[in-house]
Amino acid sequence: MERIAFKMFLNKGFEAEYKKRHDEIWPELTNLLKDSGIANYSIFLDEETLVLYGVLDCHNEIEYQNLPFQPVMQKWWEYMKDIMKTNEDSSPVSIPLREVFYMK
C-alpha cells in the first residue's frame, strides 16, 4: 500500500459548493475509486488559503494511474472545473506532496 498526498486549489467563494458536491458525490465515482484500490480518502481545506489537501491509501498503483482515463472521472472533473483551478483537460491542478513524517 502507498499513501498519497496532494494539494489542489479552490476558487474563492466556492467553499460551501465544494463541500456540497462532495457530500452528494456520485455512487459510480465512489465505486470506481474503491474498485481502483483507493481507501481512507480525505480532503482537507485550508480556509485561509483555499488550498485543498488530499490524502489517500492506494492499494493498486496501476489502477490509480488509470483513473484519469475513466469516463466517470472525466465527467466529475468537468462538473468540478467551475469551482477549482484546472488543467486544459478539466482535471484539477494537483501537486504531489512528499511525506516527511508518519506515525502509525
Protein backbone atom coordinates (compact mmCIF):
# COMPACT_ATOMS: atom_id res chain seq x y z
CA MET A 1 0.00 0.00 0.00
CA GLU A 2 1.15 3.51 -0.79
CA ARG A 3 -0.04 6.66 0.97
CA ILE A 4 -0.54 9.51 -1.48
CA ALA A 5 -0.98 13.18 -0.63
CA PHE A 6 -1.51 16.15 -2.92
CA LYS A 7 -2.83 19.69 -2.96
CA MET A 8 -5.41 21.36 -5.19
CA PHE A 9 -6.76 24.88 -5.36
CA LEU A 10 -10.33 26.01 -4.71
CA ASN A 11 -11.67 29.20 -6.28
CA LYS A 12 -12.66 31.91 -3.81
CA GLY A 13 -16.28 31.86 -2.73
CA PHE A 14 -16.88 28.18 -3.54
CA GLU A 15 -16.12 26.62 -0.16
CA ALA A 16 -19.74 25.65 0.55
CA GLU A 17 -20.35 24.45 -3.00
CA TYR A 18 -17.24 22.24 -2.92
CA LYS A 19 -18.42 20.63 0.32
CA LYS A 20 -21.96 20.22 -1.04
CA ARG A 21 -20.77 18.49 -4.20
CA HIS A 22 -18.67 16.08 -2.18
CA ASP A 23 -21.49 15.44 0.28
CA GLU A 24 -23.50 14.39 -2.79
CA ILE A 25 -20.67 12.51 -4.54
CA TRP A 26 -21.89 10.16 -7.22
CA PRO A 27 -22.06 6.49 -6.19
CA GLU A 28 -20.49 5.47 -9.50
CA LEU A 29 -17.47 7.64 -8.68
CA THR A 30 -17.01 6.23 -5.18
CA ASN A 31 -17.37 2.73 -6.63
CA LEU A 32 -14.70 3.49 -9.24
CA LEU A 33 -12.32 4.81 -6.59
CA LYS A 34 -12.86 1.82 -4.32
CA ASP A 35 -12.59 -0.65 -7.21
CA SER A 36 -9.31 1.06 -8.17
CA GLY A 37 -7.85 0.34 -4.74
CA ILE A 38 -8.40 3.74 -3.13
CA ALA A 39 -9.21 3.73 0.60
CA ASN A 40 -9.19 6.16 3.51
CA TYR A 41 -9.52 9.13 1.14
CA SER A 42 -9.83 12.52 2.83
CA ILE A 43 -9.71 16.08 1.54
CA PHE A 44 -8.96 18.95 3.91
CA LEU A 45 -9.50 22.66 3.21
CA ASP A 46 -7.21 25.40 4.47
CA GLU A 47 -9.86 28.12 4.70
CA GLU A 48 -7.24 30.87 4.85
CA THR A 49 -5.50 29.96 1.57
CA LEU A 50 -8.26 27.88 -0.12
CA VAL A 51 -5.74 25.09 -0.67
CA LEU A 52 -7.27 21.61 -0.62
CA TYR A 53 -5.13 18.76 0.74
CA GLY A 54 -5.97 15.22 -0.31
CA VAL A 55 -4.65 12.12 1.42
CA LEU A 56 -5.46 8.55 0.41
CA ASP A 57 -4.26 4.98 0.64
CA CYS A 58 -3.57 3.36 -2.72
CA HIS A 59 -3.64 -0.43 -2.89
CA ASN A 60 -3.20 -0.69 -6.67
CA GLU A 61 -0.82 1.80 -8.30
CA ILE A 62 -1.68 0.70 -11.86
CA GLU A 63 -5.42 1.20 -11.33
CA TYR A 64 -4.73 4.56 -9.64
CA GLN A 65 -2.70 5.69 -12.66
CA ASN A 66 -5.59 4.67 -14.95
CA LEU A 67 -8.21 6.79 -13.15
CA PRO A 68 -7.78 9.84 -15.44
CA PHE A 69 -8.87 7.72 -18.42
CA GLN A 70 -12.15 6.59 -16.84
CA PRO A 71 -15.30 8.32 -18.18
CA VAL A 72 -16.78 8.82 -14.69
CA MET A 73 -13.60 10.56 -13.54
CA GLN A 74 -13.59 12.81 -16.61
CA LYS A 75 -17.26 13.64 -16.05
CA TRP A 76 -16.51 14.55 -12.39
CA TRP A 77 -13.65 16.82 -13.45
CA GLU A 78 -15.94 18.57 -15.92
CA TYR A 79 -18.52 19.01 -13.14
CA MET A 80 -15.94 20.47 -10.74
CA LYS A 81 -13.94 22.70 -13.09
CA ASP A 82 -16.03 25.82 -12.45
CA ILE A 83 -15.02 25.94 -8.78
CA MET A 84 -11.35 24.85 -8.90
CA LYS A 85 -8.10 25.59 -10.68
CA THR A 86 -7.94 23.09 -13.54
CA ASN A 87 -5.74 21.92 -16.38
CA GLU A 88 -6.75 22.01 -20.05
CA ASP A 89 -8.29 18.53 -19.78
CA SER A 90 -10.50 19.76 -16.86
CA SER A 91 -8.50 17.73 -14.32
CA PRO A 92 -7.76 19.67 -11.15
CA VAL A 93 -4.35 21.24 -10.83
CA SER A 94 -2.84 18.76 -8.38
CA ILE A 95 0.61 18.98 -6.85
CA PRO A 96 2.04 15.88 -5.16
CA LEU A 97 3.20 16.27 -1.57
CA ARG A 98 6.21 14.44 -0.15
CA GLU A 99 5.65 12.70 3.14
CA VAL A 100 8.17 13.78 5.77
CA PHE A 101 6.59 12.19 8.86
CA TYR A 102 4.11 9.42 9.57
CA MET A 103 3.23 7.99 12.96
CA LYS A 104 1.46 4.64 13.00
